[in-house]
N, C-alpha and C. Protein backbone atom coordinates (compact mmCIF):
# COMPACT_ATOMS: atom_id res chain seq x y z
N UNK A 1 -15.84 -23.49 -21.52
CA UNK A 1 -14.66 -24.24 -22.20
C UNK A 1 -14.05 -25.11 -21.25
N UNK A 2 -13.92 -24.88 -19.90
CA UNK A 2 -13.29 -25.62 -19.01
C UNK A 2 -13.87 -27.08 -18.84
N UNK A 3 -15.28 -27.09 -18.91
CA UNK A 3 -15.90 -28.44 -18.82
C UNK A 3 -15.57 -29.25 -20.02
N UNK A 4 -15.23 -28.79 -21.19
CA UNK A 4 -15.00 -29.58 -22.35
C UNK A 4 -13.58 -30.24 -22.27
N UNK A 5 -12.60 -29.58 -21.72
CA UNK A 5 -11.25 -30.02 -21.67
C UNK A 5 -10.79 -30.72 -20.40
N UNK A 6 -11.68 -30.68 -19.37
CA UNK A 6 -11.36 -31.33 -18.13
C UNK A 6 -11.67 -32.87 -18.16
N UNK A 7 -10.82 -33.62 -17.54
CA UNK A 7 -11.11 -35.01 -17.42
C UNK A 7 -12.33 -35.30 -16.48
N UNK A 8 -12.43 -34.46 -15.50
CA UNK A 8 -13.60 -34.67 -14.58
C UNK A 8 -14.71 -33.69 -14.99
N UNK A 9 -15.68 -34.06 -15.72
CA UNK A 9 -16.72 -33.27 -16.28
C UNK A 9 -17.93 -33.23 -15.36
N UNK A 10 -17.84 -32.37 -14.42
CA UNK A 10 -18.87 -32.27 -13.41
C UNK A 10 -19.87 -31.27 -13.95
N UNK A 11 -21.17 -31.61 -13.94
CA UNK A 11 -22.14 -30.72 -14.42
C UNK A 11 -22.35 -29.52 -13.50
N UNK A 12 -22.09 -28.36 -14.11
CA UNK A 12 -22.30 -27.08 -13.23
C UNK A 12 -23.35 -26.27 -13.94
N UNK A 13 -24.41 -26.06 -13.14
CA UNK A 13 -25.40 -25.22 -13.64
C UNK A 13 -25.31 -23.86 -12.94
N UNK A 14 -25.68 -22.81 -13.74
CA UNK A 14 -25.77 -21.41 -13.26
C UNK A 14 -24.32 -21.02 -12.67
N UNK A 15 -23.29 -21.52 -13.20
CA UNK A 15 -22.00 -21.23 -12.65
C UNK A 15 -20.98 -21.06 -13.89
N UNK A 16 -20.49 -19.87 -14.01
CA UNK A 16 -19.51 -19.61 -15.04
C UNK A 16 -18.57 -18.44 -14.72
N UNK A 17 -17.45 -18.59 -15.22
CA UNK A 17 -16.48 -17.43 -15.02
C UNK A 17 -16.24 -16.61 -16.26
N UNK A 18 -16.17 -15.37 -16.10
CA UNK A 18 -16.01 -14.46 -17.20
C UNK A 18 -14.59 -13.83 -17.07
N UNK A 19 -13.83 -13.93 -18.12
CA UNK A 19 -12.57 -13.37 -18.07
C UNK A 19 -12.15 -12.73 -19.44
N UNK A 20 -11.66 -11.49 -19.48
CA UNK A 20 -11.34 -10.89 -20.68
C UNK A 20 -9.82 -10.89 -20.93
N UNK A 21 -9.42 -11.16 -22.12
CA UNK A 21 -8.05 -11.12 -22.50
C UNK A 21 -7.68 -9.61 -22.94
N UNK A 22 -8.59 -8.79 -22.96
CA UNK A 22 -8.37 -7.37 -23.31
C UNK A 22 -7.65 -7.20 -24.67
N UNK A 23 -8.19 -7.83 -25.64
CA UNK A 23 -7.62 -7.81 -26.99
C UNK A 23 -7.85 -6.42 -27.79
N UNK A 24 -6.94 -6.02 -28.44
CA UNK A 24 -7.07 -4.84 -29.19
C UNK A 24 -8.06 -5.09 -30.28
N UNK A 25 -8.57 -4.06 -30.88
CA UNK A 25 -9.67 -4.12 -31.86
C UNK A 25 -9.21 -4.96 -33.14
N UNK A 26 -7.98 -4.97 -33.53
CA UNK A 26 -7.45 -5.59 -34.67
C UNK A 26 -6.90 -6.97 -34.35
N UNK A 27 -6.99 -7.45 -33.04
CA UNK A 27 -6.54 -8.72 -32.65
C UNK A 27 -7.71 -9.70 -32.69
N UNK A 28 -7.44 -11.12 -33.01
CA UNK A 28 -8.46 -11.99 -32.90
C UNK A 28 -7.81 -13.41 -32.51
N UNK A 29 -8.69 -14.17 -31.89
CA UNK A 29 -8.14 -15.54 -31.48
C UNK A 29 -8.28 -16.51 -32.70
N UNK A 30 -7.11 -17.11 -32.99
CA UNK A 30 -7.19 -17.99 -34.09
C UNK A 30 -7.05 -19.51 -33.74
N UNK A 31 -6.89 -19.79 -32.39
CA UNK A 31 -6.84 -21.12 -31.99
C UNK A 31 -6.78 -21.20 -30.53
N UNK A 32 -7.33 -22.43 -30.00
CA UNK A 32 -7.22 -22.71 -28.56
C UNK A 32 -6.81 -24.25 -28.47
N UNK A 33 -5.82 -24.45 -27.61
CA UNK A 33 -5.50 -25.90 -27.45
C UNK A 33 -5.28 -26.16 -25.88
N UNK A 34 -5.69 -27.27 -25.41
CA UNK A 34 -5.45 -27.72 -24.04
C UNK A 34 -4.07 -28.25 -23.88
N UNK A 35 -3.35 -27.67 -22.84
CA UNK A 35 -2.01 -28.14 -22.65
C UNK A 35 -2.02 -29.25 -21.58
N UNK A 36 -2.82 -29.06 -20.58
CA UNK A 36 -3.00 -30.07 -19.41
C UNK A 36 -4.30 -29.65 -18.86
N UNK A 37 -4.48 -30.30 -17.58
CA UNK A 37 -5.80 -30.09 -16.89
C UNK A 37 -6.06 -28.69 -16.50
N UNK A 38 -5.04 -27.81 -16.33
CA UNK A 38 -5.28 -26.56 -15.77
C UNK A 38 -4.83 -25.29 -16.71
N UNK A 39 -4.11 -25.76 -17.89
CA UNK A 39 -3.67 -24.65 -18.81
C UNK A 39 -4.15 -24.81 -20.18
N UNK A 40 -4.44 -23.73 -20.83
CA UNK A 40 -4.77 -23.78 -22.21
C UNK A 40 -3.87 -22.68 -22.94
N UNK A 41 -3.69 -22.98 -24.22
CA UNK A 41 -2.81 -22.30 -25.14
C UNK A 41 -3.82 -21.37 -26.07
N UNK A 42 -3.74 -20.14 -26.00
CA UNK A 42 -4.61 -19.34 -26.91
C UNK A 42 -3.75 -18.62 -27.89
N UNK A 43 -4.06 -18.88 -29.23
CA UNK A 43 -3.26 -18.29 -30.29
C UNK A 43 -3.92 -17.04 -30.78
N UNK A 44 -3.24 -15.87 -30.79
CA UNK A 44 -3.84 -14.64 -31.11
C UNK A 44 -3.00 -13.96 -32.28
N UNK A 45 -3.70 -13.32 -33.20
CA UNK A 45 -3.10 -12.64 -34.25
C UNK A 45 -3.63 -11.32 -34.50
N UNK A 46 -2.82 -10.44 -35.03
CA UNK A 46 -3.28 -9.13 -35.63
C UNK A 46 -2.90 -9.18 -37.06
N UNK A 47 -2.85 -8.08 -37.74
CA UNK A 47 -2.57 -8.11 -39.24
C UNK A 47 -1.08 -8.44 -39.47
N UNK A 48 -0.29 -8.27 -38.63
CA UNK A 48 1.23 -8.54 -38.82
C UNK A 48 1.86 -9.53 -37.90
N UNK A 49 1.38 -9.77 -36.71
CA UNK A 49 2.06 -10.57 -35.70
C UNK A 49 1.17 -11.70 -35.15
N UNK A 50 1.82 -12.82 -34.59
CA UNK A 50 1.01 -13.81 -33.98
C UNK A 50 1.81 -14.09 -32.68
N UNK A 51 1.03 -14.33 -31.60
CA UNK A 51 1.60 -14.65 -30.27
C UNK A 51 0.60 -15.57 -29.64
N UNK A 52 1.07 -16.14 -28.51
CA UNK A 52 0.17 -17.08 -27.67
C UNK A 52 0.23 -16.62 -26.37
N UNK A 53 -0.89 -17.01 -25.64
CA UNK A 53 -1.00 -16.88 -24.21
C UNK A 53 -1.35 -18.19 -23.53
N UNK A 54 -0.57 -18.41 -22.53
CA UNK A 54 -0.93 -19.62 -21.71
C UNK A 54 -1.65 -19.14 -20.47
N UNK A 55 -2.97 -19.75 -20.44
CA UNK A 55 -3.91 -19.26 -19.46
C UNK A 55 -4.18 -20.35 -18.47
N UNK A 56 -4.16 -20.05 -17.22
CA UNK A 56 -4.39 -20.91 -16.11
C UNK A 56 -6.02 -20.85 -15.89
N UNK A 57 -6.66 -22.01 -16.30
CA UNK A 57 -8.18 -21.91 -16.17
C UNK A 57 -8.65 -22.18 -14.82
N UNK A 58 -7.89 -22.75 -13.96
CA UNK A 58 -8.24 -22.96 -12.54
C UNK A 58 -8.15 -21.73 -11.65
N UNK A 59 -7.18 -20.92 -12.00
CA UNK A 59 -6.95 -19.70 -11.23
C UNK A 59 -7.28 -18.34 -11.99
N UNK A 60 -7.73 -18.55 -13.32
CA UNK A 60 -8.15 -17.39 -14.06
C UNK A 60 -7.05 -16.34 -14.23
N UNK A 61 -5.80 -16.84 -14.49
CA UNK A 61 -4.76 -15.89 -14.71
C UNK A 61 -4.06 -16.20 -16.01
N UNK A 62 -3.35 -15.22 -16.55
CA UNK A 62 -2.52 -15.42 -17.64
C UNK A 62 -1.09 -15.63 -17.13
N UNK A 63 -0.62 -16.90 -17.40
CA UNK A 63 0.70 -17.34 -16.91
C UNK A 63 1.82 -16.72 -17.76
N UNK A 64 1.75 -16.71 -19.00
CA UNK A 64 2.73 -16.13 -19.85
C UNK A 64 2.15 -15.61 -21.17
N UNK A 65 2.87 -14.73 -21.84
CA UNK A 65 2.51 -14.25 -23.13
C UNK A 65 3.79 -14.35 -24.10
N UNK A 66 3.73 -15.08 -25.04
CA UNK A 66 4.90 -15.46 -25.84
C UNK A 66 4.77 -14.79 -27.20
N UNK A 67 5.67 -13.93 -27.67
CA UNK A 67 5.54 -13.38 -29.02
C UNK A 67 6.65 -13.77 -29.82
N UNK A 68 6.43 -13.79 -31.17
CA UNK A 68 7.48 -14.16 -32.01
C UNK A 68 8.29 -13.00 -32.42
């Protein structure tokens, strides 16, 4: 995903990062948006609530989790 949203699309072969958001069984990702070169916004929902995670793709960390 990083290669698709980055301005500098360097071809990287045999290199990938694996990161788990540790979603519950009833949670699912309903959308992903690029905020800037290093952050993506991931929209997650369960049967009742929706929240977003701001994820830093350069450092592979969750910056914040925002619930309604």
